[in-house]
Amino acid sequence: MSFFSSQIARLESFGYVGRENFGALKIAVCILILGLFIGALGSPDPDDVLSEKQKTESSIKMGSGLPSTPKQTIEFIPTSTPKNVTGLNNTEDKQRSLVVRNGDTLMSIMLAEGIDRHEAYEAISALRGIYDPRDLRVGQRVELSFSSDATLSGMSLEPSTVRRVTVRRHNPDAFKAFETKRNLARKISFAKGIINSSLYKAAVSQEVPLSVLAELIRIYSWDVDFQREIQKGDSFEVAYERFVDLNGEIVQHGKVIFARMTLSGSVKPLYEFELRPGRSDYFDDGGRSAKRPLLRTPIDGARLSSGFGKRRHPILGYTKVHRGVDFAAPTGTPIYAAGDGIITFRGRKGAYGKYIRIRHAAGYSTAYAHMSRYKKGVTQGRRVKQGEVIGYVGSTGRSTGPHLHYEILVRGQQTNPLTIKMPSGITLKGEDLARFQIKIANISALVSEFHLTPGGQKQPKTIER
């Protein structure tokens, strides 16, 4: 999975959501902001709360539950401090904890603390064996320790919630690096809800984490138009991972392993399935991928402002066929490539203003107009991947305000992006399909157990296995 980097939030008020490689924090923050925007962050609407709330949890131990789930259930065993290396919490050491600011590097932080440049270099060099210092993030905490004579004795930081890397003075002239990993248990949580005003409010009322809600929207975004298809009375179910420490505290939420949306009576289940180590995707119960080669809506946080077909032109004043769809959004909103392909045109194109055309496989092309500017490095002839930022919303050309004009062309013929039957993705076959069917059976049994568990509690009930 290799996707995106910007706002990712699309609730019912907005269209397509779904970009893969965003951090969960960025995703959650974007959804939170949009929730505030649509007035959904107040007390949950009573209509959005199930009469019988059901949110349960199950411990999944290695070797039980879901056979196709990898055994690396983040069951980490702490690494002991190497021999001849003083522990970081040596009572004789003085500790200094610092927060990384914009523009900081490990070297600049250490020099600012008065550490000798050569010693800082040696410590960072030792660390490189287990951690890339360039991965330092703003807001991350760096802990330095000093011996009684004020020389550097060690440094420690946490690249993730489950991993700590440390360098300690090994002898007067050298440092040694090691890492420890937190011992986490993997559990499965389940939530379901009836939608009465918005998916966002229904999910929040069932205590679905924002990162999980974003993932739920993402995996359905190739097939579901969240701006127009969600109706009162529709429902959702979702089972997802959560990881807890030895004290039972939630450290992080993981992936969605199962989801089911019922929209206007049509049931749409999706199952997470590992195709090969490190690569998972979502499939329906027939083994068909939820992912499509093209996106219906290559922009986040936008409102459909003009549909496909005849309309009275807002500038020319007469009826004219509108051969695309318009999405109103603030100037500078990122625009994404709808699919893998090659840029065949990038430049000004009359009334379209700043314009990009991308050629995809099987005779499909997409076009993007009225951009304010192009993404740096996006040039004619360049290959792009689905979800890659290619430009930004603007109002160039014949336009009444900032928006994206988007077209899908089939063998050169413009078609309605919102109604076109999208080309299908991969379909599981042979051994993969057999493994997937076993996965479905196990998940179905797990979901049935959740349904049988009494609801009504504020906190999820745990089913020990």
Protein backbone atom coordinates (compact mmCIF):
# COMPACT_ATOMS: atom_id res chain seq x y z
CA MET A 1 0.00 0.00 0.00
CA SER A 2 1.44 3.26 -1.04
CA PHE A 3 -0.89 6.25 -0.99
CA PHE A 4 -1.31 9.80 0.05
CA SER A 5 -0.55 12.53 2.47
CA SER A 6 -3.16 15.16 3.25
CA GLN A 7 -6.68 15.50 4.72
CA ILE A 8 -8.58 12.25 4.58
CA ALA A 9 -12.09 12.67 5.73
CA ARG A 10 -15.20 12.12 3.87
CA LEU A 11 -18.42 11.82 5.76
CA GLU A 12 -21.86 11.99 4.25
CA SER A 13 -21.47 15.70 3.60
CA PHE A 14 -18.44 14.96 1.49
CA GLY A 15 -17.54 12.56 -1.28
CA TYR A 16 -14.77 9.99 -1.67
CA VAL A 17 -12.55 9.33 1.27
CA GLY A 18 -9.80 7.06 0.98
CA ARG A 19 -6.13 7.46 0.65
CA GLU A 20 -3.86 4.73 1.94
CA ASN A 21 -0.63 5.66 3.68
CA PHE A 22 -1.85 8.45 5.90
CA GLY A 23 -0.90 8.32 9.51
CA ALA A 24 -3.80 7.37 11.73
CA LEU A 25 -3.32 10.59 13.64
CA LYS A 26 -3.63 12.75 10.50
CA ILE A 27 -6.71 10.83 9.47
CA ALA A 28 -8.35 11.18 12.87
CA VAL A 29 -7.59 14.90 13.11
CA CYS A 30 -9.09 15.56 9.68
CA ILE A 31 -12.27 13.67 10.57
CA LEU A 32 -12.45 15.51 13.90
CA ILE A 33 -12.21 18.88 12.14
CA LEU A 34 -14.88 17.91 9.64
CA GLY A 35 -17.06 16.65 12.47
CA LEU A 36 -16.87 20.08 14.05
CA PHE A 37 -17.65 21.66 10.69
CA ILE A 38 -20.90 19.75 10.26
CA GLY A 39 -21.91 20.19 13.88
CA ALA A 40 -21.56 16.58 14.75
CA LEU A 41 -19.30 16.83 17.77
CA GLY A 42 -21.92 17.76 20.30
CA SER A 43 -23.70 15.19 22.37
CA PRO A 44 -24.64 12.22 20.19
CA ASP A 45 -28.10 12.43 18.65
CA PRO A 46 -30.30 9.98 20.56
CA ASP A 47 -31.63 8.76 17.22
CA ASP A 48 -28.14 7.60 16.30
CA VAL A 49 -27.78 5.33 19.34
CA LEU A 50 -28.96 1.75 18.95
CA SER A 51 -31.79 0.78 21.25
CA GLU A 52 -29.56 -2.09 22.24
CA LYS A 53 -25.98 -0.87 22.06
CA GLN A 54 -23.55 -3.63 21.26
CA LYS A 55 -19.85 -3.21 21.41
CA THR A 56 -17.83 -6.21 22.47
CA GLU A 57 -14.28 -7.31 22.54
CA SER A 58 -12.52 -10.62 22.15
CA SER A 59 -9.02 -11.68 23.08
CA ILE A 60 -7.42 -13.38 20.09
CA LYS A 61 -4.53 -15.59 21.09
CA MET A 62 -1.93 -16.79 18.65
CA GLY A 63 -3.10 -19.89 16.84
CA SER A 64 -6.81 -19.30 17.47
CA GLY A 65 -9.50 -17.20 15.89
CA LEU A 66 -8.44 -16.08 12.44
CA PRO A 67 -6.03 -18.51 10.78
CA SER A 68 -5.05 -16.20 7.95
CA THR A 69 -4.05 -13.44 10.34
CA PRO A 70 -0.25 -13.43 10.72
CA LYS A 71 1.10 -14.66 14.02
CA GLN A 72 2.97 -11.43 14.63
CA THR A 73 0.19 -10.20 16.91
CA ILE A 74 2.56 -7.62 18.37
CA GLU A 75 3.27 -10.05 21.20
CA PHE A 76 6.61 -8.36 21.87
CA ILE A 77 9.19 -9.58 24.31
CA PRO A 78 11.41 -6.86 25.76
CA THR A 79 15.06 -7.08 24.79
CA SER A 80 17.37 -7.11 27.76
CA THR A 81 20.13 -4.54 28.13
CA PRO A 82 23.34 -5.93 26.57
CA LYS A 83 26.13 -7.05 28.85
CA ASN A 84 28.73 -4.42 29.70
CA VAL A 85 26.19 -1.66 28.96
CA THR A 86 24.85 0.46 31.80
CA GLY A 87 21.05 0.59 32.00
CA LEU A 88 19.42 3.82 30.91
CA ASN A 89 17.88 4.42 34.31
CA ASN A 90 21.15 4.28 36.18
CA THR A 91 20.45 6.21 39.38
CA GLU A 92 23.84 7.91 39.10
CA ASP A 93 22.94 9.40 35.71
CA LYS A 94 21.22 12.75 35.31
CA GLN A 95 18.29 12.66 32.90
CA ARG A 96 17.24 15.36 30.43
CA SER A 97 13.99 14.99 28.44
CA LEU A 98 13.54 17.17 25.33
CA VAL A 99 10.72 17.58 22.79
CA VAL A 100 11.65 17.71 19.10
CA ARG A 101 10.75 21.02 17.45
CA ASN A 102 10.45 21.92 13.79
CA GLY A 103 13.90 21.89 12.16
CA ASP A 104 15.57 19.89 14.94
CA THR A 105 17.95 17.01 14.28
CA LEU A 106 19.53 14.70 16.82
CA MET A 107 22.83 16.48 16.24
CA SER A 108 21.37 19.97 16.76
CA ILE A 109 19.56 18.83 19.92
CA MET A 110 22.71 17.33 21.40
CA LEU A 111 24.90 20.30 20.51
CA ALA A 112 22.35 22.65 22.09
CA GLU A 113 22.73 20.64 25.31
CA GLY A 114 26.48 21.25 25.29
CA ILE A 115 27.47 17.76 24.18
CA ASP A 116 30.79 17.49 22.39
CA ARG A 117 30.30 17.19 18.62
CA HIS A 118 32.52 14.11 18.36
CA GLU A 119 30.61 12.33 21.15
CA ALA A 120 27.28 13.27 19.57
CA TYR A 121 28.48 11.89 16.24
CA GLU A 122 29.60 8.61 17.84
CA ALA A 123 26.25 8.17 19.64
CA ILE A 124 24.23 8.89 16.49
CA SER A 125 26.44 6.56 14.42
CA ALA A 126 25.78 3.74 16.88
CA LEU A 127 22.04 4.43 16.73
CA ARG A 128 21.99 4.17 12.92
CA GLY A 129 22.31 0.40 13.18
CA ILE A 130 18.73 0.13 14.47
CA TYR A 131 17.11 3.49 13.68
CA ASP A 132 17.36 6.12 10.95
CA PRO A 133 17.91 9.50 12.68
CA ARG A 134 16.22 11.20 9.71
CA ASP A 135 12.93 9.69 10.88
CA LEU A 136 12.86 12.06 13.87
CA ARG A 137 9.37 13.63 14.18
CA VAL A 138 8.21 16.96 15.56
CA GLY A 139 6.74 16.35 19.01
CA GLN A 140 8.82 13.23 19.61
CA ARG A 141 10.63 13.06 22.96
CA VAL A 142 14.39 12.52 23.20
CA GLU A 143 15.87 11.50 26.54
CA LEU A 144 19.53 12.22 27.25
CA SER A 145 21.46 10.94 30.24
CA PHE A 146 24.70 12.31 31.64
CA SER A 147 27.24 10.83 34.03
CA SER A 148 28.41 12.63 37.14
CA ASP A 149 31.15 14.42 35.20
CA ALA A 150 28.51 15.80 32.75
CA THR A 151 29.62 13.63 29.82
CA LEU A 152 26.99 11.92 27.68
CA SER A 153 26.22 8.43 28.95
CA GLY A 154 23.20 7.59 26.79
CA MET A 155 20.26 8.60 24.67
CA SER A 156 16.80 7.10 24.20
CA LEU A 157 13.71 7.77 22.08
CA GLU A 158 10.52 6.00 20.96
CA PRO A 159 10.01 5.71 17.18
CA SER A 160 6.55 4.22 17.82
CA THR A 161 4.20 3.35 20.65
CA VAL A 162 5.66 -0.15 20.83
CA ARG A 163 9.37 0.46 20.27
CA ARG A 164 12.15 2.22 22.19
CA VAL A 165 15.71 2.62 20.86
CA THR A 166 18.62 3.39 23.15
CA VAL A 167 22.35 4.05 22.89
CA ARG A 168 24.55 3.68 25.95
CA ARG A 169 28.24 4.30 26.49
CA HIS A 170 29.88 0.90 26.04
CA ASN A 171 33.36 2.04 27.05
CA PRO A 172 35.05 5.45 27.27
CA ASP A 173 35.38 5.67 23.49
CA ALA A 174 32.31 3.87 22.09
CA PHE A 175 28.52 3.63 22.28
CA LYS A 176 26.32 0.60 21.77
CA ALA A 177 22.68 0.57 20.56
CA PHE A 178 19.83 -1.75 21.50
CA GLU A 179 16.04 -1.72 21.40
CA THR A 180 13.13 -2.84 23.56
CA LYS A 181 9.60 -3.58 22.46
CA ARG A 182 6.46 -3.36 24.55
CA ASN A 183 4.54 -6.52 25.28
CA LEU A 184 1.11 -5.92 23.74
CA ALA A 185 -1.93 -8.16 23.48
CA ARG A 186 -4.14 -8.10 20.39
CA LYS A 187 -7.89 -7.91 20.89
CA ILE A 188 -10.80 -7.59 18.50
CA SER A 189 -13.53 -5.00 19.08
CA PHE A 190 -16.92 -4.96 17.40
CA ALA A 191 -19.41 -2.14 16.95
CA LYS A 192 -22.60 -1.64 14.99
CA GLY A 193 -25.02 1.21 14.53
CA ILE A 194 -28.09 2.51 12.74
CA ILE A 195 -27.59 5.65 10.66
CA ASN A 196 -30.20 8.32 11.24
CA SER A 197 -28.42 11.52 10.28
CA SER A 198 -24.80 10.68 9.42
CA LEU A 199 -22.38 7.79 9.48
CA TYR A 200 -20.04 9.95 11.55
CA LYS A 201 -22.57 10.52 14.33
CA ALA A 202 -23.73 6.91 14.31
CA ALA A 203 -20.15 5.63 14.58
CA VAL A 204 -19.15 8.11 17.31
CA SER A 205 -22.23 7.16 19.33
CA GLN A 206 -20.93 3.57 19.28
CA GLU A 207 -17.44 4.71 20.41
CA VAL A 208 -15.77 3.76 17.12
CA PRO A 209 -12.27 5.34 17.11
CA LEU A 210 -11.82 8.05 14.49
CA SER A 211 -8.93 6.20 12.85
CA VAL A 212 -11.14 3.12 12.46
CA LEU A 213 -13.99 5.24 11.06
CA ALA A 214 -11.59 6.71 8.49
CA GLU A 215 -10.48 3.21 7.47
CA LEU A 216 -14.11 2.06 7.25
CA ILE A 217 -14.89 4.94 4.88
CA ARG A 218 -11.71 4.34 2.88
CA ILE A 219 -12.36 0.67 2.15
CA TYR A 220 -15.90 1.39 0.93
CA SER A 221 -15.05 4.54 -0.99
CA TRP A 222 -14.51 2.77 -4.33
CA ASP A 223 -18.06 1.42 -4.26
CA VAL A 224 -20.11 3.76 -2.05
CA ASP A 225 -20.88 7.43 -2.72
CA PHE A 226 -20.93 8.75 0.85
CA GLN A 227 -22.45 12.05 -0.22
CA ARG A 228 -25.50 10.62 -1.97
CA GLU A 229 -26.01 6.92 -1.12
CA ILE A 230 -26.28 7.02 2.68
CA GLN A 231 -29.92 7.09 3.80
CA LYS A 232 -31.71 7.16 7.15
CA GLY A 233 -32.12 3.60 8.41
CA ASP A 234 -28.94 2.29 6.78
CA SER A 235 -26.58 0.46 9.13
CA PHE A 236 -22.95 -0.49 9.65
CA GLU A 237 -20.98 -3.16 11.49
CA VAL A 238 -17.22 -3.16 12.00
CA ALA A 239 -14.70 -5.45 13.70
CA TYR A 240 -11.25 -4.01 14.29
CA GLU A 241 -8.00 -4.61 16.14
CA ARG A 242 -6.92 -2.91 19.31
CA PHE A 243 -3.64 -3.45 21.15
CA VAL A 244 -3.38 -3.19 24.93
CA ASP A 245 -0.43 -3.25 27.31
CA LEU A 246 0.01 -5.42 30.39
CA ASN A 247 -2.17 -3.01 32.39
CA GLY A 248 -5.02 -3.29 29.90
CA GLU A 249 -4.48 0.25 28.61
CA ILE A 250 -5.15 0.77 24.89
CA VAL A 251 -1.87 1.62 23.17
CA GLN A 252 -3.10 1.76 19.58
CA HIS A 253 -5.88 0.67 17.25
CA GLY A 254 -5.09 -1.59 14.34
CA LYS A 255 -6.75 -2.50 11.09
CA VAL A 256 -10.37 -3.24 10.27
CA ILE A 257 -10.74 -7.02 9.83
CA PHE A 258 -14.42 -7.06 8.85
CA ALA A 259 -17.09 -4.55 7.91
CA ARG A 260 -20.66 -4.75 6.70
CA MET A 261 -22.78 -1.86 5.45
CA THR A 262 -26.46 -2.21 4.64
CA LEU A 263 -27.52 0.56 2.26
CA SER A 264 -31.16 0.76 1.10
CA GLY A 265 -31.48 -2.97 1.81
CA SER A 266 -28.32 -3.93 -0.10
CA VAL A 267 -25.81 -5.76 2.14
CA LYS A 268 -22.14 -5.06 1.39
CA PRO A 269 -19.69 -7.12 3.49
CA LEU A 270 -15.91 -6.70 3.24
CA TYR A 271 -13.18 -8.90 4.73
CA GLU A 272 -9.52 -8.07 5.28
CA PHE A 273 -7.30 -10.71 3.69
CA GLU A 274 -3.52 -11.06 3.52
CA LEU A 275 -2.46 -11.80 -0.04
CA ARG A 276 1.17 -12.24 0.98
CA PRO A 277 3.24 -11.21 4.01
CA GLY A 278 2.97 -7.46 4.43
CA ARG A 279 0.27 -6.96 1.79
CA SER A 280 -3.41 -7.02 2.76
CA ASP A 281 -6.52 -5.90 0.89
CA TYR A 282 -10.29 -6.03 1.32
CA PHE A 283 -12.62 -8.37 -0.58
CA ASP A 284 -16.34 -9.05 -0.74
CA ASP A 285 -17.77 -12.49 0.03
CA GLY A 286 -17.18 -13.56 -3.58
CA GLY A 287 -13.46 -12.83 -3.37
CA ARG A 288 -13.67 -9.64 -5.46
CA SER A 289 -11.39 -6.78 -4.43
CA ALA A 290 -13.04 -3.68 -2.96
CA LYS A 291 -10.39 -1.59 -4.67
CA ARG A 292 -11.08 -0.31 -8.18
CA PRO A 293 -8.59 0.93 -10.80
CA LEU A 294 -10.24 4.39 -10.79
CA LEU A 295 -11.59 6.72 -8.11
CA ARG A 296 -15.00 8.29 -8.60
CA THR A 297 -14.00 11.35 -6.59
CA PRO A 298 -10.28 12.26 -6.65
CA ILE A 299 -10.54 14.93 -3.95
CA ASP A 300 -11.24 15.05 -0.21
CA GLY A 301 -13.57 17.35 1.69
CA ALA A 302 -15.45 18.50 -1.41
CA ARG A 303 -19.11 19.17 -2.20
CA LEU A 304 -20.67 18.15 -5.50
CA SER A 305 -21.63 21.51 -7.00
CA SER A 306 -22.59 20.49 -10.54
CA GLY A 307 -23.51 17.12 -12.02
CA PHE A 308 -23.08 15.55 -15.44
CA GLY A 309 -25.46 16.49 -18.29
CA LYS A 310 -27.39 19.53 -19.49
CA ARG A 311 -27.30 22.62 -17.31
CA ARG A 312 -27.56 26.38 -17.60
CA HIS A 313 -23.97 27.57 -17.81
CA PRO A 314 -23.22 29.93 -14.88
CA ILE A 315 -21.11 32.28 -17.04
CA LEU A 316 -22.37 31.89 -20.62
CA GLY A 317 -26.01 31.95 -19.50
CA TYR A 318 -27.39 29.31 -21.90
CA THR A 319 -28.07 25.59 -21.62
CA LYS A 320 -24.99 23.52 -22.37
CA VAL A 321 -24.02 19.89 -21.82
CA HIS A 322 -21.69 19.61 -18.83
CA ARG A 323 -19.40 16.69 -19.65
CA GLY A 324 -17.99 16.16 -16.20
CA VAL A 325 -18.76 16.78 -12.53
CA ASP A 326 -17.69 19.73 -10.39
CA PHE A 327 -16.54 19.50 -6.79
CA ALA A 328 -16.43 22.77 -4.85
CA ALA A 329 -13.52 22.98 -2.41
CA PRO A 330 -11.21 25.65 -0.98
CA THR A 331 -8.33 26.86 -3.13
CA GLY A 332 -5.28 24.69 -2.52
CA THR A 333 -7.19 21.48 -1.69
CA PRO A 334 -5.10 18.53 -3.00
CA ILE A 335 -6.28 16.74 -6.15
CA TYR A 336 -5.34 13.06 -6.56
CA ALA A 337 -4.66 10.90 -9.59
CA ALA A 338 -7.76 8.73 -9.99
CA GLY A 339 -5.68 5.74 -11.01
CA ASP A 340 -2.29 4.54 -12.15
CA GLY A 341 -1.33 6.00 -15.50
CA ILE A 342 0.73 8.39 -17.61
CA ILE A 343 0.19 12.15 -17.80
CA THR A 344 -0.52 12.90 -21.47
CA PHE A 345 -1.23 16.63 -21.04
CA ARG A 346 -0.26 19.21 -18.44
CA GLY A 347 -0.80 22.88 -19.15
CA ARG A 348 -3.40 25.52 -19.89
CA LYS A 349 -6.33 24.39 -22.03
CA GLY A 350 -8.69 27.24 -22.88
CA ALA A 351 -11.78 27.44 -20.65
CA TYR A 352 -10.43 24.53 -18.57
CA GLY A 353 -7.61 26.70 -17.24
CA LYS A 354 -4.77 24.71 -15.72
CA TYR A 355 -5.51 21.15 -16.82
CA ILE A 356 -4.13 17.61 -16.54
CA ARG A 357 -5.11 14.53 -18.57
CA ILE A 358 -4.02 11.03 -17.47
CA ARG A 359 -4.17 7.90 -19.65
CA HIS A 360 -5.02 4.71 -17.74
CA ALA A 361 -5.28 1.07 -18.80
CA ALA A 362 -8.10 -0.47 -20.88
CA GLY A 363 -8.97 2.73 -22.77
CA TYR A 364 -9.77 4.88 -19.73
CA SER A 365 -8.58 8.47 -19.24
CA THR A 366 -9.29 11.10 -16.59
CA ALA A 367 -9.14 14.90 -16.77
CA TYR A 368 -8.77 17.56 -14.07
CA ALA A 369 -9.45 21.26 -14.71
CA HIS A 370 -9.34 24.75 -13.14
CA MET A 371 -6.31 23.94 -10.97
CA SER A 372 -4.57 26.74 -9.10
CA ARG A 373 -1.21 25.03 -9.57
CA TYR A 374 0.40 21.68 -10.30
CA LYS A 375 2.24 19.54 -7.79
CA LYS A 376 5.99 20.05 -8.11
CA GLY A 377 7.51 17.35 -10.30
CA VAL A 378 4.23 16.46 -12.04
CA THR A 379 5.10 16.80 -15.73
CA GLN A 380 3.82 15.55 -19.06
CA GLY A 381 4.95 11.97 -19.73
CA ARG A 382 5.40 11.12 -16.04
CA ARG A 383 3.87 7.97 -14.55
CA VAL A 384 1.63 8.50 -11.51
CA LYS A 385 0.07 6.16 -8.97
CA GLN A 386 -3.52 6.12 -7.79
CA GLY A 387 -3.97 8.61 -4.96
CA GLU A 388 -0.80 10.58 -5.74
CA VAL A 389 -1.25 14.36 -5.47
CA ILE A 390 -1.06 15.91 -8.96
CA GLY A 391 -2.29 19.46 -8.29
CA TYR A 392 -4.44 21.77 -6.22
CA VAL A 393 -7.95 23.20 -6.52
CA GLY A 394 -8.25 26.64 -8.07
CA SER A 395 -10.42 28.79 -10.32
CA THR A 396 -8.34 29.20 -13.48
CA GLY A 397 -10.02 29.34 -16.89
CA ARG A 398 -13.75 29.94 -17.23
CA SER A 399 -14.82 29.52 -13.60
CA THR A 400 -17.03 31.25 -11.04
CA GLY A 401 -15.11 30.02 -7.99
CA PRO A 402 -12.62 27.43 -6.73
CA HIS A 403 -13.60 23.91 -7.73
CA LEU A 404 -12.37 20.78 -9.50
CA HIS A 405 -13.94 19.88 -12.84
CA TYR A 406 -13.42 16.11 -13.19
CA GLU A 407 -13.99 13.90 -16.23
CA ILE A 408 -13.73 10.17 -16.91
CA LEU A 409 -13.32 9.29 -20.58
CA VAL A 410 -13.80 5.82 -22.08
CA ARG A 411 -11.99 5.56 -25.41
CA GLY A 412 -12.17 9.34 -25.69
CA GLN A 413 -15.87 9.62 -24.83
CA GLN A 414 -16.76 11.61 -21.69
CA THR A 415 -18.97 9.65 -19.27
CA ASN A 416 -20.59 10.37 -15.90
CA PRO A 417 -18.00 9.65 -13.17
CA LEU A 418 -20.75 9.10 -10.61
CA THR A 419 -22.68 6.43 -12.51
CA ILE A 420 -20.12 4.72 -14.74
CA LYS A 421 -19.60 1.02 -14.04
CA MET A 422 -16.03 0.99 -12.86
CA PRO A 423 -13.62 -1.69 -14.10
CA SER A 424 -13.22 -4.40 -11.49
CA GLY A 425 -10.13 -5.06 -9.44
CA ILE A 426 -8.54 -8.44 -8.79
CA THR A 427 -10.59 -11.56 -7.99
CA LEU A 428 -9.18 -14.28 -5.74
CA LYS A 429 -8.70 -17.71 -7.31
CA GLY A 430 -7.30 -21.12 -6.49
CA GLU A 431 -5.38 -21.44 -3.24
CA ASP A 432 -5.93 -17.79 -2.31
CA LEU A 433 -9.69 -18.19 -2.70
CA ALA A 434 -9.65 -21.36 -0.57
CA ARG A 435 -7.75 -19.55 2.20
CA PHE A 436 -10.12 -16.62 1.92
CA GLN A 437 -13.19 -18.85 2.34
CA ILE A 438 -11.70 -20.25 5.55
CA LYS A 439 -11.12 -16.67 6.72
CA ILE A 440 -14.77 -15.81 6.00
CA ALA A 441 -15.97 -18.83 8.00
CA ASN A 442 -13.86 -17.88 11.02
CA ILE A 443 -14.85 -14.22 10.92
CA SER A 444 -18.52 -15.18 10.55
CA ALA A 445 -18.26 -17.34 13.68
CA LEU A 446 -16.57 -14.49 15.54
CA VAL A 447 -19.21 -11.95 14.47
CA SER A 448 -21.98 -14.37 15.49
CA GLU A 449 -20.42 -14.58 18.94
CA PHE A 450 -20.39 -10.79 19.15
CA HIS A 451 -24.07 -10.69 18.22
CA LEU A 452 -24.88 -13.16 21.00
CA THR A 453 -23.04 -11.09 23.61
CA PRO A 454 -25.37 -8.92 25.73
CA GLY A 455 -24.97 -5.21 24.97
CA GLY A 456 -25.87 -2.07 26.85
CA GLN A 457 -22.60 -1.61 28.73
CA LYS A 458 -20.69 1.65 28.35
CA GLN A 459 -17.41 -0.25 28.13
CA PRO A 460 -16.91 -3.17 25.71
CA LYS A 461 -17.38 -6.62 27.17
CA THR A 462 -14.40 -8.97 26.90
CA ILE A 463 -14.83 -12.54 25.75
CA GLU A 464 -11.86 -14.58 26.93
CA ARG A 465 -10.78 -17.39 24.63
